[in-house]
């Protein structure tokens, strides 16, 4: 049951990061919450599989931190990648004139 809670917390923090980091025009509304929730859930599942107690504080801290870090990496990296890809496509479509 705790994996549901950590997934919802990770998704909520991912949604918050969407509005704190500039460049949100490069991705959709649900991307960062989905990424944050998925990263938190995967981290939780791996840590439980490694033998961490699900009622301990460190598993919560590490799982939520994983969701935050992955959401931040996506939020900071995706706009730059998107801008570069858009510039390449515009150059190709304009026949090299732009």
Protein backbone atom coordinates (compact mmCIF):
# COMPACT_ATOMS: atom_id res chain seq x y z
CA UNK A 1 0.00 0.00 0.00
CA UNK A 2 2.87 2.36 0.72
CA UNK A 3 4.01 2.19 -2.90
CA UNK A 4 0.75 3.91 -3.85
CA UNK A 5 1.46 6.74 -1.42
CA UNK A 6 5.02 7.24 -2.63
CA UNK A 7 3.82 7.19 -6.26
CA UNK A 8 1.22 9.87 -5.58
CA UNK A 9 3.75 12.00 -3.69
CA UNK A 10 6.27 11.63 -6.55
CA UNK A 11 3.62 12.60 -9.10
CA UNK A 12 2.57 15.59 -7.03
CA UNK A 13 6.12 16.83 -6.69
CA UNK A 14 6.68 16.29 -10.40
CA UNK A 15 3.62 18.44 -11.08
CA UNK A 16 4.99 21.12 -8.76
CA UNK A 17 8.36 21.06 -10.53
CA UNK A 18 6.55 21.69 -13.82
CA UNK A 19 5.60 25.15 -12.56
CA UNK A 20 8.88 25.94 -10.78
CA UNK A 21 11.29 25.26 -13.64
CA UNK A 22 11.13 27.39 -16.81
CA UNK A 23 10.67 25.82 -20.24
CA UNK A 24 7.37 24.01 -19.71
CA UNK A 25 6.31 24.90 -23.26
CA UNK A 26 8.50 22.02 -24.50
CA UNK A 27 6.51 19.19 -22.92
CA UNK A 28 2.97 18.30 -21.99
CA UNK A 29 1.05 18.77 -18.79
CA UNK A 30 1.28 15.19 -17.55
CA UNK A 31 4.90 14.37 -18.42
CA UNK A 32 6.63 15.47 -15.22
CA UNK A 33 4.00 14.04 -12.86
CA UNK A 34 4.19 10.73 -14.73
CA UNK A 35 7.98 10.70 -14.68
CA UNK A 36 8.14 11.67 -11.00
CA UNK A 37 5.60 9.07 -9.97
CA UNK A 38 7.23 6.33 -12.02
CA UNK A 39 10.71 7.09 -10.72
CA UNK A 40 9.52 7.12 -7.11
CA UNK A 41 7.64 3.83 -7.58
CA UNK A 42 10.58 2.12 -9.28
CA UNK A 43 12.98 3.32 -6.59
CA UNK A 44 10.61 2.08 -3.88
CA UNK A 45 10.22 -1.34 -5.51
CA UNK A 46 13.98 -1.75 -5.96
CA UNK A 47 14.70 -0.74 -2.38
CA UNK A 48 12.08 -3.12 -0.99
CA UNK A 49 13.52 -5.87 -3.17
CA UNK A 50 16.97 -5.07 -1.72
CA UNK A 51 15.59 -5.60 1.77
CA UNK A 52 14.93 -2.08 3.04
CA UNK A 53 12.12 -1.90 5.58
CA UNK A 54 9.01 -0.26 4.12
CA UNK A 55 8.27 1.49 7.41
CA UNK A 56 11.70 3.13 7.65
CA UNK A 57 12.39 6.76 6.93
CA UNK A 58 15.25 6.26 4.48
CA UNK A 59 13.21 4.36 1.92
CA UNK A 60 10.74 7.25 1.82
CA UNK A 61 13.53 9.81 1.53
CA UNK A 62 15.38 8.00 -1.24
CA UNK A 63 12.25 7.17 -3.23
CA UNK A 64 10.86 10.70 -3.12
CA UNK A 65 14.29 12.15 -3.88
CA UNK A 66 14.51 9.86 -6.93
CA UNK A 67 11.21 11.23 -8.21
CA UNK A 68 12.36 14.81 -7.67
CA UNK A 69 15.76 14.29 -9.31
CA UNK A 70 14.37 12.53 -12.38
CA UNK A 71 11.67 15.19 -12.80
CA UNK A 72 14.29 17.94 -12.57
CA UNK A 73 16.56 16.25 -15.09
CA UNK A 74 13.69 15.92 -17.56
CA UNK A 75 12.47 19.47 -16.93
CA UNK A 76 15.92 20.97 -17.45
CA UNK A 77 17.11 18.76 -20.31
CA UNK A 78 14.06 18.35 -22.50
CA UNK A 79 13.62 22.01 -23.56
CA UNK A 80 17.22 22.19 -24.81
CA UNK A 81 16.86 18.94 -26.73
CA UNK A 82 13.53 20.06 -28.16
CA UNK A 83 14.90 23.44 -29.29
CA UNK A 84 17.85 21.78 -31.03
CA UNK A 85 15.61 19.24 -32.75
CA UNK A 86 13.19 21.97 -33.87
CA UNK A 87 16.06 24.02 -35.31
CA UNK A 88 17.36 20.98 -37.22
CA UNK A 89 13.93 20.21 -38.65
CA UNK A 90 13.35 23.82 -39.66
CA UNK A 91 16.71 23.85 -41.43
CA UNK A 92 15.83 20.63 -43.28
CA UNK A 93 12.34 21.76 -44.23
CA UNK A 94 13.49 25.18 -45.44
CA UNK A 95 16.11 23.64 -47.69
CA UNK A 96 18.94 25.30 -45.77
CA UNK A 97 17.67 28.84 -46.26
CA UNK A 98 16.85 29.37 -42.57
